[in-house]
Amino acid sequence: MAPGGVHEDVPPGRFNVNPDEINAALCPFFGAVPDAQWRQDHRMVAGNAVVVRYTLTGHLVKDIGPFTGRGQTISSPGMFVLTFVDGLLMSARDYWDPVEFAAQAA
């Protein structure tokens, strides 16, 4: 991430503006879904923007938010919108369906 870069987790409305905030926001998720993988389903490049449609897969093994980790399989679609300046990542916006995730995590 470039200096001054931002990460926005759109559905919950989290907006993180430095590496420490980004790390703090994502660490609980990676602790709960340690085998998380994002499979690229489609990518489109338009100038300095890249849109990636993905499928997140993994297993919920630890509690996160209202969900109790019991090894539930997660396979949830989403989309990244990435913006680059001088080859550096300036913004990453992550769109995903919280209703879909909740149904699988319940």
N, C-alpha and C. Protein backbone atom coordinates (compact mmCIF):
# COMPACT_ATOMS: atom_id res chain seq x y z
N MET A 1 0.86 -1.17 0.00
CA MET A 1 0.00 0.00 0.00
C MET A 1 0.91 1.23 0.00
N ALA A 2 0.58 2.17 -0.84
CA ALA A 2 1.36 3.40 -0.95
C ALA A 2 1.15 4.27 0.30
N PRO A 3 2.13 5.11 0.62
CA PRO A 3 1.91 6.07 1.71
C PRO A 3 0.65 6.88 1.41
N GLY A 4 -0.20 7.01 2.41
CA GLY A 4 -1.46 7.72 2.22
C GLY A 4 -2.55 6.86 1.62
N GLY A 5 -2.24 5.58 1.36
CA GLY A 5 -3.22 4.67 0.79
C GLY A 5 -4.31 4.33 1.78
N VAL A 6 -5.44 3.88 1.26
CA VAL A 6 -6.59 3.57 2.11
C VAL A 6 -7.16 2.19 1.76
N HIS A 7 -7.74 1.57 2.75
CA HIS A 7 -8.47 0.31 2.57
C HIS A 7 -9.87 0.53 3.11
N GLU A 8 -10.87 0.22 2.31
CA GLU A 8 -12.26 0.36 2.74
C GLU A 8 -12.94 -0.99 2.64
N ASP A 9 -13.46 -1.45 3.76
CA ASP A 9 -14.26 -2.66 3.82
C ASP A 9 -15.70 -2.18 3.75
N VAL A 10 -16.28 -2.16 2.58
CA VAL A 10 -17.50 -1.41 2.30
C VAL A 10 -18.71 -1.84 3.13
N PRO A 11 -19.11 -3.14 3.14
CA PRO A 11 -20.35 -3.48 3.85
C PRO A 11 -20.39 -3.04 5.32
N PRO A 12 -19.34 -3.28 6.12
CA PRO A 12 -19.45 -2.81 7.50
C PRO A 12 -19.10 -1.33 7.65
N GLY A 13 -18.65 -0.70 6.56
CA GLY A 13 -18.34 0.72 6.62
C GLY A 13 -17.03 1.05 7.32
N ARG A 14 -16.05 0.12 7.27
CA ARG A 14 -14.74 0.39 7.87
C ARG A 14 -13.83 1.04 6.85
N PHE A 15 -13.20 2.11 7.26
CA PHE A 15 -12.30 2.88 6.40
C PHE A 15 -10.98 3.02 7.15
N ASN A 16 -9.92 2.41 6.63
CA ASN A 16 -8.63 2.39 7.31
C ASN A 16 -7.61 3.14 6.48
N VAL A 17 -6.83 4.01 7.14
CA VAL A 17 -5.98 4.93 6.39
C VAL A 17 -4.48 4.75 6.60
N ASN A 18 -4.06 3.76 7.34
CA ASN A 18 -2.62 3.52 7.47
C ASN A 18 -2.40 2.04 7.75
N PRO A 19 -1.17 1.58 7.58
CA PRO A 19 -0.92 0.14 7.74
C PRO A 19 -1.34 -0.42 9.10
N ASP A 20 -1.17 0.35 10.17
CA ASP A 20 -1.57 -0.15 11.49
C ASP A 20 -3.08 -0.35 11.58
N GLU A 21 -3.85 0.59 11.04
CA GLU A 21 -5.31 0.46 11.05
C GLU A 21 -5.75 -0.72 10.18
N ILE A 22 -5.13 -0.86 9.03
CA ILE A 22 -5.48 -1.97 8.13
C ILE A 22 -5.20 -3.30 8.81
N ASN A 23 -4.04 -3.40 9.41
CA ASN A 23 -3.66 -4.63 10.12
C ASN A 23 -4.63 -4.93 11.26
N ALA A 24 -4.96 -3.91 12.05
CA ALA A 24 -5.87 -4.10 13.18
C ALA A 24 -7.26 -4.54 12.71
N ALA A 25 -7.69 -4.03 11.56
CA ALA A 25 -9.01 -4.37 11.04
C ALA A 25 -9.06 -5.79 10.49
N LEU A 26 -7.97 -6.25 9.87
CA LEU A 26 -7.97 -7.54 9.20
C LEU A 26 -7.52 -8.71 10.08
N CYS A 27 -6.72 -8.45 11.10
CA CYS A 27 -6.20 -9.53 11.94
C CYS A 27 -7.28 -10.40 12.57
N PRO A 28 -8.36 -9.83 13.11
CA PRO A 28 -9.40 -10.71 13.67
C PRO A 28 -9.99 -11.67 12.63
N PHE A 29 -10.17 -11.19 11.41
CA PHE A 29 -10.70 -12.07 10.37
C PHE A 29 -9.74 -13.21 10.08
N PHE A 30 -8.45 -12.89 9.91
CA PHE A 30 -7.47 -13.94 9.60
C PHE A 30 -7.30 -14.90 10.76
N GLY A 31 -7.53 -14.44 11.99
CA GLY A 31 -7.50 -15.34 13.13
C GLY A 31 -8.68 -16.30 13.12
N ALA A 32 -9.84 -15.80 12.67
CA ALA A 32 -11.05 -16.62 12.65
C ALA A 32 -11.11 -17.54 11.44
N VAL A 33 -10.53 -17.10 10.33
CA VAL A 33 -10.53 -17.88 9.08
C VAL A 33 -9.08 -17.98 8.59
N PRO A 34 -8.26 -18.76 9.29
CA PRO A 34 -6.82 -18.76 8.99
C PRO A 34 -6.46 -19.33 7.63
N ASP A 35 -7.35 -20.11 7.03
CA ASP A 35 -7.07 -20.67 5.71
C ASP A 35 -7.76 -19.88 4.60
N ALA A 36 -8.10 -18.61 4.88
CA ALA A 36 -8.79 -17.77 3.89
C ALA A 36 -7.98 -17.66 2.61
N GLN A 37 -8.68 -17.82 1.50
CA GLN A 37 -8.08 -17.65 0.17
C GLN A 37 -9.07 -16.91 -0.70
N TRP A 38 -8.54 -16.02 -1.53
CA TRP A 38 -9.35 -15.29 -2.48
C TRP A 38 -9.01 -15.81 -3.86
N ARG A 39 -9.97 -16.48 -4.49
CA ARG A 39 -9.77 -16.99 -5.84
C ARG A 39 -10.26 -15.93 -6.82
N GLN A 40 -9.40 -15.54 -7.72
CA GLN A 40 -9.78 -14.55 -8.72
C GLN A 40 -10.68 -15.21 -9.75
N ASP A 41 -11.91 -14.71 -9.88
CA ASP A 41 -12.85 -15.24 -10.86
C ASP A 41 -12.81 -14.45 -12.16
N HIS A 42 -12.55 -13.15 -12.04
CA HIS A 42 -12.48 -12.30 -13.22
C HIS A 42 -11.73 -11.02 -12.84
N ARG A 43 -11.00 -10.49 -13.79
CA ARG A 43 -10.26 -9.24 -13.55
C ARG A 43 -10.43 -8.35 -14.76
N MET A 44 -10.63 -7.06 -14.50
CA MET A 44 -10.72 -6.07 -15.56
C MET A 44 -9.82 -4.90 -15.19
N VAL A 45 -8.98 -4.50 -16.13
CA VAL A 45 -8.09 -3.36 -15.92
C VAL A 45 -8.59 -2.21 -16.78
N ALA A 46 -8.69 -1.04 -16.16
CA ALA A 46 -9.12 0.17 -16.88
C ALA A 46 -8.26 1.33 -16.39
N GLY A 47 -7.22 1.65 -17.14
CA GLY A 47 -6.32 2.72 -16.73
C GLY A 47 -5.61 2.38 -15.43
N ASN A 48 -5.80 3.22 -14.42
CA ASN A 48 -5.12 2.98 -13.14
C ASN A 48 -6.00 2.21 -12.16
N ALA A 49 -7.13 1.67 -12.64
CA ALA A 49 -8.04 0.91 -11.78
C ALA A 49 -8.08 -0.55 -12.21
N VAL A 50 -8.23 -1.41 -11.22
CA VAL A 50 -8.39 -2.84 -11.46
C VAL A 50 -9.59 -3.31 -10.64
N VAL A 51 -10.50 -4.00 -11.29
CA VAL A 51 -11.65 -4.59 -10.61
C VAL A 51 -11.46 -6.10 -10.65
N VAL A 52 -11.56 -6.72 -9.48
CA VAL A 52 -11.38 -8.16 -9.37
C VAL A 52 -12.61 -8.76 -8.71
N ARG A 53 -13.29 -9.63 -9.45
CA ARG A 53 -14.38 -10.41 -8.86
C ARG A 53 -13.74 -11.67 -8.28
N TYR A 54 -14.07 -11.98 -7.03
CA TYR A 54 -13.41 -13.10 -6.36
C TYR A 54 -14.41 -13.98 -5.63
N THR A 55 -13.94 -15.14 -5.23
CA THR A 55 -14.65 -15.99 -4.29
C THR A 55 -13.72 -16.23 -3.10
N LEU A 56 -14.17 -15.84 -1.93
CA LEU A 56 -13.44 -16.08 -0.69
C LEU A 56 -13.81 -17.46 -0.20
N THR A 57 -12.81 -18.28 0.10
CA THR A 57 -13.05 -19.61 0.67
C THR A 57 -12.23 -19.77 1.94
N GLY A 58 -12.70 -20.62 2.82
CA GLY A 58 -11.99 -20.92 4.05
C GLY A 58 -12.93 -21.56 5.06
N HIS A 59 -12.45 -21.66 6.29
CA HIS A 59 -13.22 -22.28 7.36
C HIS A 59 -13.19 -21.39 8.59
N LEU A 60 -14.37 -21.14 9.15
CA LEU A 60 -14.49 -20.31 10.35
C LEU A 60 -14.18 -21.19 11.56
N VAL A 61 -13.00 -21.00 12.14
CA VAL A 61 -12.57 -21.87 13.24
C VAL A 61 -12.52 -21.17 14.59
N LYS A 62 -12.62 -19.83 14.58
CA LYS A 62 -12.65 -19.06 15.84
C LYS A 62 -13.79 -18.07 15.76
N ASP A 63 -14.26 -17.66 16.93
CA ASP A 63 -15.37 -16.71 16.99
C ASP A 63 -14.95 -15.37 16.41
N ILE A 64 -15.90 -14.76 15.69
CA ILE A 64 -15.70 -13.40 15.17
C ILE A 64 -17.06 -12.72 15.15
N GLY A 65 -17.13 -11.54 15.74
CA GLY A 65 -18.41 -10.84 15.82
C GLY A 65 -19.45 -11.74 16.46
N PRO A 66 -20.63 -11.84 15.83
CA PRO A 66 -21.70 -12.67 16.42
C PRO A 66 -21.59 -14.15 16.07
N PHE A 67 -20.54 -14.55 15.36
CA PHE A 67 -20.45 -15.92 14.85
C PHE A 67 -19.49 -16.76 15.69
N THR A 68 -19.92 -17.99 15.98
CA THR A 68 -19.11 -18.95 16.72
C THR A 68 -18.41 -19.86 15.72
N GLY A 69 -17.09 -19.89 15.80
CA GLY A 69 -16.32 -20.74 14.90
C GLY A 69 -16.48 -22.21 15.24
N ARG A 70 -16.96 -22.98 14.27
CA ARG A 70 -17.14 -24.43 14.45
C ARG A 70 -16.60 -25.18 13.24
N GLY A 71 -15.76 -24.52 12.45
CA GLY A 71 -15.24 -25.16 11.25
C GLY A 71 -16.14 -25.00 10.03
N GLN A 72 -17.10 -24.07 10.09
CA GLN A 72 -18.01 -23.87 8.97
C GLN A 72 -17.23 -23.51 7.70
N THR A 73 -17.66 -24.10 6.59
CA THR A 73 -17.06 -23.78 5.29
C THR A 73 -17.63 -22.46 4.80
N ILE A 74 -16.75 -21.59 4.37
CA ILE A 74 -17.13 -20.30 3.80
C ILE A 74 -16.76 -20.31 2.33
N SER A 75 -17.69 -19.91 1.49
CA SER A 75 -17.45 -19.70 0.06
C SER A 75 -18.32 -18.53 -0.35
N SER A 76 -17.73 -17.35 -0.36
CA SER A 76 -18.51 -16.12 -0.47
C SER A 76 -17.96 -15.23 -1.58
N PRO A 77 -18.84 -14.74 -2.46
CA PRO A 77 -18.38 -13.88 -3.55
C PRO A 77 -18.12 -12.45 -3.08
N GLY A 78 -17.28 -11.77 -3.83
CA GLY A 78 -17.01 -10.37 -3.53
C GLY A 78 -16.30 -9.70 -4.70
N MET A 79 -15.95 -8.44 -4.48
CA MET A 79 -15.28 -7.68 -5.54
C MET A 79 -14.33 -6.65 -4.92
N PHE A 80 -13.12 -6.63 -5.41
CA PHE A 80 -12.16 -5.60 -5.05
C PHE A 80 -12.14 -4.55 -6.15
N VAL A 81 -12.08 -3.28 -5.75
CA VAL A 81 -11.82 -2.19 -6.68
C VAL A 81 -10.52 -1.55 -6.19
N LEU A 82 -9.48 -1.70 -7.00
CA LEU A 82 -8.14 -1.25 -6.63
C LEU A 82 -7.73 -0.08 -7.52
N THR A 83 -7.08 0.92 -6.92
CA THR A 83 -6.60 2.07 -7.68
C THR A 83 -5.11 2.22 -7.43
N PHE A 84 -4.36 2.41 -8.51
CA PHE A 84 -2.91 2.53 -8.45
C PHE A 84 -2.46 3.91 -8.92
N VAL A 85 -1.41 4.41 -8.29
CA VAL A 85 -0.77 5.65 -8.71
C VAL A 85 0.73 5.37 -8.78
N ASP A 86 1.32 5.61 -9.93
CA ASP A 86 2.75 5.35 -10.14
C ASP A 86 3.12 3.92 -9.75
N GLY A 87 2.23 2.98 -10.03
CA GLY A 87 2.49 1.58 -9.76
C GLY A 87 2.26 1.15 -8.32
N LEU A 88 1.86 2.08 -7.44
CA LEU A 88 1.63 1.76 -6.03
C LEU A 88 0.13 1.73 -5.75
N LEU A 89 -0.28 0.81 -4.89
CA LEU A 89 -1.69 0.68 -4.51
C LEU A 89 -2.08 1.87 -3.64
N MET A 90 -3.04 2.68 -4.12
CA MET A 90 -3.50 3.84 -3.37
C MET A 90 -4.81 3.58 -2.63
N SER A 91 -5.67 2.78 -3.23
CA SER A 91 -6.93 2.49 -2.54
C SER A 91 -7.38 1.08 -2.89
N ALA A 92 -7.95 0.44 -1.89
CA ALA A 92 -8.52 -0.89 -2.04
C ALA A 92 -9.89 -0.86 -1.40
N ARG A 93 -10.91 -1.07 -2.21
CA ARG A 93 -12.28 -1.13 -1.70
C ARG A 93 -12.78 -2.55 -1.88
N ASP A 94 -13.26 -3.14 -0.80
CA ASP A 94 -13.69 -4.53 -0.80
C ASP A 94 -15.20 -4.59 -0.60
N TYR A 95 -15.90 -5.06 -1.64
CA TYR A 95 -17.35 -5.21 -1.61
C TYR A 95 -17.67 -6.69 -1.47
N TRP A 96 -18.48 -7.03 -0.49
CA TRP A 96 -18.89 -8.41 -0.30
C TRP A 96 -20.27 -8.42 0.33
N ASP A 97 -20.92 -9.56 0.29
CA ASP A 97 -22.31 -9.68 0.73
C ASP A 97 -22.36 -10.17 2.17
N PRO A 98 -22.66 -9.28 3.13
CA PRO A 98 -22.69 -9.70 4.52
C PRO A 98 -23.80 -10.70 4.82
N VAL A 99 -24.89 -10.66 4.07
CA VAL A 99 -25.99 -11.62 4.30
C VAL A 99 -25.52 -13.02 3.89
N GLU A 100 -24.83 -13.12 2.77
CA GLU A 100 -24.29 -14.41 2.31
C GLU A 100 -23.28 -14.96 3.32
N PHE A 101 -22.36 -14.10 3.77
CA PHE A 101 -21.36 -14.53 4.74
C PHE A 101 -22.04 -15.00 6.03
N ALA A 102 -23.01 -14.23 6.50
CA ALA A 102 -23.70 -14.56 7.76
C ALA A 102 -24.43 -15.91 7.65
N ALA A 103 -25.04 -16.15 6.50
CA ALA A 103 -25.76 -17.42 6.32
C ALA A 103 -24.81 -18.61 6.42
N GLN A 104 -23.60 -18.44 5.91
CA GLN A 104 -22.63 -19.54 5.94
C GLN A 104 -21.96 -19.66 7.31
N ALA A 105 -21.78 -18.53 7.98
CA ALA A 105 -21.09 -18.53 9.26
C ALA A 105 -21.99 -18.91 10.43
N ALA A 106 -23.29 -18.83 10.23
CA ALA A 106 -24.24 -19.11 11.32
C ALA A 106 -24.20 -20.57 11.75
